């Protein structure tokens, strides 16, 4: 039983570290993409074109972003947030440990 507990704790740590790294990476990528979108639209609005041309463009870009986020929600049925991602990874770790118990110990 001690071996099972040690393996379970180690597996949980590995999954938690992977989940934290992935969540952190996705958060920074999302921030970078939002900054890029803002910079591109600002450049097009104030230097290249005027607000009269860019107003419908920004509307459709904003609405398209909302559609993408809603599509993510529809596919995963979860809100994109760090604490939820960590919780889901902990549940995955438990199911992996349960599979390990069924296959190895009993």
C-alpha atoms as a PDB file:
ATOM      1  CA  UNK A   1       0.000   0.000   0.000  1.00  0.00           C
ATOM      2  CA  UNK A   2       2.909   2.358   0.687  1.00  0.00           C
ATOM      3  CA  UNK A   3       4.152   1.812  -2.837  1.00  0.00           C
ATOM      4  CA  UNK A   4       0.742   2.762  -4.211  1.00  0.00           C
ATOM      5  CA  UNK A   5       0.641   5.924  -2.118  1.00  0.00           C
ATOM      6  CA  UNK A   6       4.136   6.927  -3.231  1.00  0.00           C
ATOM      7  CA  UNK A   7       3.315   6.300  -6.874  1.00  0.00           C
ATOM      8  CA  UNK A   8       0.047   8.219  -6.517  1.00  0.00           C
ATOM      9  CA  UNK A   9       1.711  11.210  -4.874  1.00  0.00           C
ATOM     10  CA  UNK A  10       4.471  11.278  -7.491  1.00  0.00           C
ATOM     11  CA  UNK A  11       1.955  10.995 -10.336  1.00  0.00           C
ATOM     12  CA  UNK A  12      -0.137  13.797  -8.844  1.00  0.00           C
ATOM     13  CA  UNK A  13       2.917  16.052  -8.580  1.00  0.00           C
ATOM     14  CA  UNK A  14       3.929  15.404 -12.180  1.00  0.00           C
ATOM     15  CA  UNK A  15       0.442  16.110 -13.479  1.00  0.00           C
ATOM     16  CA  UNK A  16       0.137  19.263 -11.347  1.00  0.00           C
ATOM     17  CA  UNK A  17       3.465  20.588 -12.660  1.00  0.00           C
ATOM     18  CA  UNK A  18       2.470  19.871 -16.281  1.00  0.00           C
ATOM     19  CA  UNK A  19      -0.942  21.485 -15.754  1.00  0.00           C
ATOM     20  CA  UNK A  20       0.572  24.586 -14.199  1.00  0.00           C
ATOM     21  CA  UNK A  21       3.131  24.966 -17.002  1.00  0.00           C
ATOM     22  CA  UNK A  22       0.511  24.504 -19.714  1.00  0.00           C
ATOM     23  CA  UNK A  23      -1.948  26.880 -18.065  1.00  0.00           C
ATOM     24  CA  UNK A  24       0.749  29.498 -17.603  1.00  0.00           C
ATOM     25  CA  UNK A  25       1.873  29.140 -21.225  1.00  0.00           C
ATOM     26  CA  UNK A  26      -1.684  29.410 -22.575  1.00  0.00           C
ATOM     27  CA  UNK A  27      -2.325  32.466 -20.411  1.00  0.00           C
ATOM     28  CA  UNK A  28       0.744  34.271 -21.746  1.00  0.00           C
ATOM     29  CA  UNK A  29      -0.025  33.258 -25.340  1.00  0.00           C
ATOM     30  CA  UNK A  30      -3.567  34.605 -24.935  1.00  0.00           C
ATOM     31  CA  UNK A  31      -2.258  37.883 -23.537  1.00  0.00           C
ATOM     32  CA  UNK A  32       0.237  38.172 -26.377  1.00  0.00           C
ATOM     33  CA  UNK A  33      -2.423  37.549 -29.016  1.00  0.00           C
ATOM     34  CA  UNK A  34      -4.782  40.107 -27.448  1.00  0.00           C
ATOM     35  CA  UNK A  35      -1.945  42.655 -27.370  1.00  0.00           C
ATOM     36  CA  UNK A  36      -1.123  41.921 -30.993  1.00  0.00           C
ATOM     37  CA  UNK A  37      -4.764  42.348 -31.977  1.00  0.00           C
ATOM     38  CA  UNK A  38      -4.975  45.649 -30.102  1.00  0.00           C
ATOM     39  CA  UNK A  39      -1.752  46.938 -31.638  1.00  0.00           C
ATOM     40  CA  UNK A  40      -2.757  45.953 -35.166  1.00  0.00           C
ATOM     41  CA  UNK A  41      -6.206  47.553 -34.881  1.00  0.00           C
ATOM     42  CA  UNK A  42      -4.736  50.701 -33.303  1.00  0.00           C
ATOM     43  CA  UNK A  43      -2.173  50.974 -36.090  1.00  0.00           C
ATOM     44  CA  UNK A  44      -4.821  50.541 -38.772  1.00  0.00           C
ATOM     45  CA  UNK A  45      -7.185  52.987 -37.059  1.00  0.00           C
ATOM     46  CA  UNK A  46      -4.828  55.905 -36.365  1.00  0.00           C
ATOM     47  CA  UNK A  47      -2.121  55.632 -39.010  1.00  0.00           C
ATOM     48  CA  UNK A  48      -3.250  53.675 -42.061  1.00  0.00           C
ATOM     49  CA  UNK A  49      -7.000  54.257 -42.268  1.00  0.00           C
ATOM     50  CA  UNK A  50      -9.574  56.290 -40.403  1.00  0.00           C
ATOM     51  CA  UNK A  51     -12.105  55.297 -37.790  1.00  0.00           C
ATOM     52  CA  UNK A  52     -14.870  55.347 -40.407  1.00  0.00           C
ATOM     53  CA  UNK A  53     -13.207  52.462 -42.219  1.00  0.00           C
ATOM     54  CA  UNK A  54     -11.992  50.582 -39.149  1.00  0.00           C
ATOM     55  CA  UNK A  55     -15.202  50.719 -37.087  1.00  0.00           C
ATOM     56  CA  UNK A  56     -16.877  47.794 -38.881  1.00  0.00           C
ATOM     57  CA  UNK A  57     -13.573  45.893 -38.953  1.00  0.00           C
ATOM     58  CA  UNK A  58     -13.133  46.202 -35.189  1.00  0.00           C
ATOM     59  CA  UNK A  59     -16.746  45.173 -34.669  1.00  0.00           C
ATOM     60  CA  UNK A  60     -16.288  41.974 -36.663  1.00  0.00           C
ATOM     61  CA  UNK A  61     -12.915  41.198 -35.094  1.00  0.00           C
ATOM     62  CA  UNK A  62     -14.408  41.626 -31.614  1.00  0.00           C
ATOM     63  CA  UNK A  63     -17.472  39.611 -32.476  1.00  0.00           C
ATOM     64  CA  UNK A  64     -15.305  36.920 -34.071  1.00  0.00           C
ATOM     65  CA  UNK A  65     -13.266  36.682 -30.865  1.00  0.00           C
ATOM     66  CA  UNK A  66     -16.465  36.220 -28.881  1.00  0.00           C
ATOM     67  CA  UNK A  67     -17.580  33.482 -31.284  1.00  0.00           C
ATOM     68  CA  UNK A  68     -14.232  31.692 -30.865  1.00  0.00           C
ATOM     69  CA  UNK A  69     -14.468  31.820 -27.063  1.00  0.00           C
ATOM     70  CA  UNK A  70     -18.048  30.542 -27.178  1.00  0.00           C
ATOM     71  CA  UNK A  71     -16.942  27.759 -29.537  1.00  0.00           C
ATOM     72  CA  UNK A  72     -14.251  26.794 -27.009  1.00  0.00           C
ATOM     73  CA  UNK A  73     -16.895  26.672 -24.313  1.00  0.00           C
ATOM     74  CA  UNK A  74     -19.232  24.559 -26.464  1.00  0.00           C
ATOM     75  CA  UNK A  75     -16.471  22.047 -27.262  1.00  0.00           C
ATOM     76  CA  UNK A  76     -15.066  21.710 -23.748  1.00  0.00           C
ATOM     77  CA  UNK A  77     -18.095  22.657 -21.624  1.00  0.00           C
ATOM     78  CA  UNK A  78     -15.845  24.546 -19.255  1.00  0.00           C
ATOM     79  CA  UNK A  79     -14.960  28.152 -18.623  1.00  0.00           C
ATOM     80  CA  UNK A  80     -11.355  28.998 -19.458  1.00  0.00           C
ATOM     81  CA  UNK A  81      -9.738  29.800 -16.103  1.00  0.00           C
ATOM     82  CA  UNK A  82      -6.647  28.713 -14.190  1.00  0.00           C
ATOM     83  CA  UNK A  83      -8.302  27.295 -11.072  1.00  0.00           C
ATOM     84  CA  UNK A  84     -10.737  25.226 -13.161  1.00  0.00           C
ATOM     85  CA  UNK A  85      -7.877  23.848 -15.276  1.00  0.00           C
ATOM     86  CA  UNK A  86      -5.946  22.778 -12.184  1.00  0.00           C
ATOM     87  CA  UNK A  87      -9.068  21.129 -10.750  1.00  0.00           C
ATOM     88  CA  UNK A  88      -9.677  19.202 -13.974  1.00  0.00           C
ATOM     89  CA  UNK A  89      -6.060  18.023 -14.010  1.00  0.00           C
ATOM     90  CA  UNK A  90      -6.422  16.802 -10.423  1.00  0.00           C
ATOM     91  CA  UNK A  91      -9.499  14.825 -11.439  1.00  0.00           C
ATOM     92  CA  UNK A  92      -7.565  13.335 -14.354  1.00  0.00           C
ATOM     93  CA  UNK A  93      -4.802  12.343 -11.951  1.00  0.00           C
ATOM     94  CA  UNK A  94      -7.328  10.574  -9.732  1.00  0.00           C
ATOM     95  CA  UNK A  95      -8.784   8.623 -12.637  1.00  0.00           C
ATOM     96  CA  UNK A  96      -5.267   7.645 -13.772  1.00  0.00           C
ATOM     97  CA  UNK A  97      -4.456   6.467 -10.257  1.00  0.00           C
ATOM     98  CA  UNK A  98      -7.729   4.527 -10.147  1.00  0.00           C
ATOM     99  CA  UNK A  99      -6.824   2.821 -13.432  1.00  0.00           C
ATOM    100  CA  UNK A 100      -3.420   1.998 -12.018  1.00  0.00           C
ATOM    101  CA  UNK A 101      -4.998   0.459  -8.911  1.00  0.00           C
ATOM    102  CA  UNK A 102      -7.373  -1.647 -10.967  1.00  0.00           C
ATOM    103  CA  UNK A 103      -4.590  -2.923 -13.209  1.00  0.00           C
ATOM    104  CA  UNK A 104      -1.759  -3.435 -10.733  1.00  0.00           C
ATOM    105  CA  UNK A 105      -2.803  -3.762  -7.110  1.00  0.00           C
ATOM    106  CA  UNK A 106      -6.033  -5.728  -7.184  1.00  0.00           C
END
